Protein backbone atom coordinates (compact mmCIF):
# COMPACT_ATOMS: atom_id res chain seq x y z
CA UNK A 1 0.00 0.00 0.00
CA UNK A 2 1.19 3.44 -0.92
CA UNK A 3 1.14 6.42 1.43
CA UNK A 4 -0.39 9.73 0.43
CA UNK A 5 2.28 12.24 -0.52
CA UNK A 6 0.00 15.07 0.62
CA UNK A 7 -0.16 13.49 4.08
CA UNK A 8 3.63 13.32 4.29
CA UNK A 9 4.00 16.96 3.20
CA UNK A 10 1.36 18.03 5.73
CA UNK A 11 3.18 16.24 8.55
CA UNK A 12 6.56 17.67 7.56
CA UNK A 13 5.18 21.22 7.30
CA UNK A 14 3.44 20.82 10.65
CA UNK A 15 6.71 19.85 12.29
CA UNK A 16 9.00 22.41 10.63
CA UNK A 17 6.58 25.27 11.22
CA UNK A 18 7.81 25.18 14.83
CA UNK A 19 11.46 25.34 13.76
CA UNK A 20 11.42 28.77 12.16
CA UNK A 21 9.27 30.96 14.37
CA UNK A 22 6.59 33.23 12.93
CA UNK A 23 6.43 31.33 9.66
CA UNK A 24 2.64 31.20 9.45
CA UNK A 25 2.74 30.30 5.77
CA UNK A 26 4.13 26.84 6.59
CA UNK A 27 1.36 26.23 9.09
CA UNK A 28 -1.27 27.33 6.60
CA UNK A 29 0.17 25.10 3.89
CA UNK A 30 0.30 22.20 6.36
CA UNK A 31 -3.44 22.57 6.95
CA UNK A 32 -4.16 22.77 3.21
CA UNK A 33 -2.06 19.71 2.36
CA UNK A 34 -3.60 17.79 5.25
CA UNK A 35 -7.09 18.48 3.93
CA UNK A 36 -6.00 17.51 0.42
CA UNK A 37 -4.56 14.28 1.82
CA UNK A 38 -7.76 13.40 3.67
CA UNK A 39 -9.78 14.00 0.48
CA UNK A 40 -7.34 11.90 -1.55
CA UNK A 41 -7.41 9.06 1.00
CA UNK A 42 -11.23 9.13 1.08
CA UNK A 43 -11.39 8.83 -2.72
CA UNK A 44 -8.67 6.17 -2.88
CA UNK A 45 -9.10 3.87 0.16
CA UNK A 46 -5.96 1.88 -0.75
CA UNK A 47 -3.82 4.89 0.22
CA UNK A 48 -2.38 5.11 3.73
CA UNK A 49 -1.48 8.21 5.69
CA UNK A 50 -4.72 9.30 7.34
CA UNK A 51 -3.03 9.60 10.75
CA UNK A 52 -0.12 11.55 9.26
CA UNK A 53 -2.56 13.98 7.62
CA UNK A 54 -4.49 14.48 10.86
CA UNK A 55 -1.31 15.01 12.88
CA UNK A 56 -0.08 17.48 10.24
CA UNK A 57 -3.35 19.42 10.43
CA UNK A 58 -3.31 19.48 14.23
CA UNK A 59 0.33 20.60 14.48
CA UNK A 60 -0.14 23.25 11.81
CA UNK A 61 -3.34 24.59 13.36
CA UNK A 62 -1.74 24.64 16.80
CA UNK A 63 1.18 26.65 15.45
CA UNK A 64 -1.09 29.16 13.70
CA UNK A 65 -3.07 29.65 16.93
CA UNK A 66 0.12 30.12 18.96
CA UNK A 67 1.40 32.76 16.53
CA UNK A 68 -1.95 34.61 16.56
CA UNK A 69 -1.99 34.66 20.37
CA UNK A 70 1.63 35.84 20.40
CA UNK A 71 0.86 38.74 18.05
CA UNK A 72 -2.20 39.67 20.11
CA UNK A 73 -0.07 39.78 23.25
CA UNK A 74 2.55 41.94 21.50
CA UNK A 75 -0.20 44.32 20.35
CA UNK A 76 -1.55 44.64 23.90
CA UNK A 77 1.95 45.18 25.27
CA UNK A 78 2.72 47.92 22.77
CA UNK A 79 -0.63 49.59 23.45
CA UNK A 80 0.12 49.61 27.18
CA UNK A 81 3.58 51.07 26.65
CA UNK A 82 2.35 53.82 24.35
CA UNK A 83 -0.36 54.78 26.84
CA UNK A 84 2.31 55.22 29.54
CA UNK A 85 4.25 57.67 27.37
CA UNK A 86 1.26 59.89 26.66
C-alpha atoms as a PDB file:
ATOM      1  CA  UNK A   1       0.000   0.000   0.000  1.00  0.00           C
ATOM      2  CA  UNK A   2       1.186   3.445  -0.918  1.00  0.00           C
ATOM      3  CA  UNK A   3       1.141   6.424   1.433  1.00  0.00           C
ATOM      4  CA  UNK A   4      -0.395   9.734   0.432  1.00  0.00           C
ATOM      5  CA  UNK A   5       2.284  12.245  -0.517  1.00  0.00           C
ATOM      6  CA  UNK A   6       0.001  15.075   0.621  1.00  0.00           C
ATOM      7  CA  UNK A   7      -0.155  13.490   4.081  1.00  0.00           C
ATOM      8  CA  UNK A   8       3.626  13.321   4.290  1.00  0.00           C
ATOM      9  CA  UNK A   9       3.995  16.955   3.197  1.00  0.00           C
ATOM     10  CA  UNK A  10       1.363  18.029   5.733  1.00  0.00           C
ATOM     11  CA  UNK A  11       3.182  16.238   8.551  1.00  0.00           C
ATOM     12  CA  UNK A  12       6.563  17.674   7.565  1.00  0.00           C
ATOM     13  CA  UNK A  13       5.179  21.221   7.302  1.00  0.00           C
ATOM     14  CA  UNK A  14       3.444  20.824  10.651  1.00  0.00           C
ATOM     15  CA  UNK A  15       6.715  19.851  12.286  1.00  0.00           C
ATOM     16  CA  UNK A  16       8.999  22.409  10.627  1.00  0.00           C
ATOM     17  CA  UNK A  17       6.581  25.269  11.218  1.00  0.00           C
ATOM     18  CA  UNK A  18       7.805  25.183  14.833  1.00  0.00           C
ATOM     19  CA  UNK A  19      11.460  25.338  13.760  1.00  0.00           C
ATOM     20  CA  UNK A  20      11.416  28.773  12.162  1.00  0.00           C
ATOM     21  CA  UNK A  21       9.271  30.961  14.366  1.00  0.00           C
ATOM     22  CA  UNK A  22       6.593  33.234  12.932  1.00  0.00           C
ATOM     23  CA  UNK A  23       6.426  31.333   9.655  1.00  0.00           C
ATOM     24  CA  UNK A  24       2.641  31.205   9.455  1.00  0.00           C
ATOM     25  CA  UNK A  25       2.745  30.300   5.775  1.00  0.00           C
ATOM     26  CA  UNK A  26       4.130  26.839   6.588  1.00  0.00           C
ATOM     27  CA  UNK A  27       1.355  26.225   9.092  1.00  0.00           C
ATOM     28  CA  UNK A  28      -1.268  27.326   6.597  1.00  0.00           C
ATOM     29  CA  UNK A  29       0.168  25.100   3.890  1.00  0.00           C
ATOM     30  CA  UNK A  30       0.299  22.200   6.361  1.00  0.00           C
ATOM     31  CA  UNK A  31      -3.439  22.567   6.948  1.00  0.00           C
ATOM     32  CA  UNK A  32      -4.159  22.773   3.215  1.00  0.00           C
ATOM     33  CA  UNK A  33      -2.057  19.715   2.359  1.00  0.00           C
ATOM     34  CA  UNK A  34      -3.601  17.793   5.246  1.00  0.00           C
ATOM     35  CA  UNK A  35      -7.088  18.484   3.935  1.00  0.00           C
ATOM     36  CA  UNK A  36      -6.002  17.514   0.423  1.00  0.00           C
ATOM     37  CA  UNK A  37      -4.555  14.276   1.824  1.00  0.00           C
ATOM     38  CA  UNK A  38      -7.759  13.404   3.666  1.00  0.00           C
ATOM     39  CA  UNK A  39      -9.779  13.998   0.483  1.00  0.00           C
ATOM     40  CA  UNK A  40      -7.343  11.900  -1.545  1.00  0.00           C
ATOM     41  CA  UNK A  41      -7.413   9.065   1.001  1.00  0.00           C
ATOM     42  CA  UNK A  42     -11.227   9.133   1.076  1.00  0.00           C
ATOM     43  CA  UNK A  43     -11.388   8.833  -2.724  1.00  0.00           C
ATOM     44  CA  UNK A  44      -8.670   6.167  -2.878  1.00  0.00           C
ATOM     45  CA  UNK A  45      -9.097   3.873   0.157  1.00  0.00           C
ATOM     46  CA  UNK A  46      -5.964   1.879  -0.753  1.00  0.00           C
ATOM     47  CA  UNK A  47      -3.819   4.892   0.219  1.00  0.00           C
ATOM     48  CA  UNK A  48      -2.375   5.109   3.726  1.00  0.00           C
ATOM     49  CA  UNK A  49      -1.476   8.206   5.693  1.00  0.00           C
ATOM     50  CA  UNK A  50      -4.719   9.300   7.341  1.00  0.00           C
ATOM     51  CA  UNK A  51      -3.030   9.598  10.750  1.00  0.00           C
ATOM     52  CA  UNK A  52      -0.122  11.553   9.258  1.00  0.00           C
ATOM     53  CA  UNK A  53      -2.562  13.978   7.624  1.00  0.00           C
ATOM     54  CA  UNK A  54      -4.495  14.485  10.856  1.00  0.00           C
ATOM     55  CA  UNK A  55      -1.313  15.013  12.884  1.00  0.00           C
ATOM     56  CA  UNK A  56      -0.076  17.482  10.241  1.00  0.00           C
ATOM     57  CA  UNK A  57      -3.349  19.423  10.426  1.00  0.00           C
ATOM     58  CA  UNK A  58      -3.313  19.475  14.233  1.00  0.00           C
ATOM     59  CA  UNK A  59       0.331  20.600  14.478  1.00  0.00           C
ATOM     60  CA  UNK A  60      -0.143  23.250  11.809  1.00  0.00           C
ATOM     61  CA  UNK A  61      -3.343  24.593  13.357  1.00  0.00           C
ATOM     62  CA  UNK A  62      -1.743  24.641  16.801  1.00  0.00           C
ATOM     63  CA  UNK A  63       1.179  26.645  15.453  1.00  0.00           C
ATOM     64  CA  UNK A  64      -1.092  29.164  13.701  1.00  0.00           C
ATOM     65  CA  UNK A  65      -3.072  29.651  16.928  1.00  0.00           C
ATOM     66  CA  UNK A  66       0.115  30.122  18.960  1.00  0.00           C
ATOM     67  CA  UNK A  67       1.398  32.760  16.527  1.00  0.00           C
ATOM     68  CA  UNK A  68      -1.950  34.610  16.562  1.00  0.00           C
ATOM     69  CA  UNK A  69      -1.987  34.661  20.371  1.00  0.00           C
ATOM     70  CA  UNK A  70       1.627  35.844  20.396  1.00  0.00           C
ATOM     71  CA  UNK A  71       0.864  38.744  18.054  1.00  0.00           C
ATOM     72  CA  UNK A  72      -2.200  39.674  20.112  1.00  0.00           C
ATOM     73  CA  UNK A  73      -0.065  39.784  23.248  1.00  0.00           C
ATOM     74  CA  UNK A  74       2.546  41.944  21.497  1.00  0.00           C
ATOM     75  CA  UNK A  75      -0.197  44.323  20.350  1.00  0.00           C
ATOM     76  CA  UNK A  76      -1.554  44.644  23.895  1.00  0.00           C
ATOM     77  CA  UNK A  77       1.951  45.177  25.273  1.00  0.00           C
ATOM     78  CA  UNK A  78       2.717  47.924  22.773  1.00  0.00           C
ATOM     79  CA  UNK A  79      -0.632  49.586  23.453  1.00  0.00           C
ATOM     80  CA  UNK A  80       0.122  49.605  27.180  1.00  0.00           C
ATOM     81  CA  UNK A  81       3.584  51.069  26.646  1.00  0.00           C
ATOM     82  CA  UNK A  82       2.353  53.825  24.347  1.00  0.00           C
ATOM     83  CA  UNK A  83      -0.364  54.778  26.844  1.00  0.00           C
ATOM     84  CA  UNK A  84       2.309  55.220  29.541  1.00  0.00           C
ATOM     85  CA  UNK A  85       4.253  57.670  27.367  1.00  0.00           C
ATOM     86  CA  UNK A  86       1.264  59.887  26.656  1.00  0.00           C
END
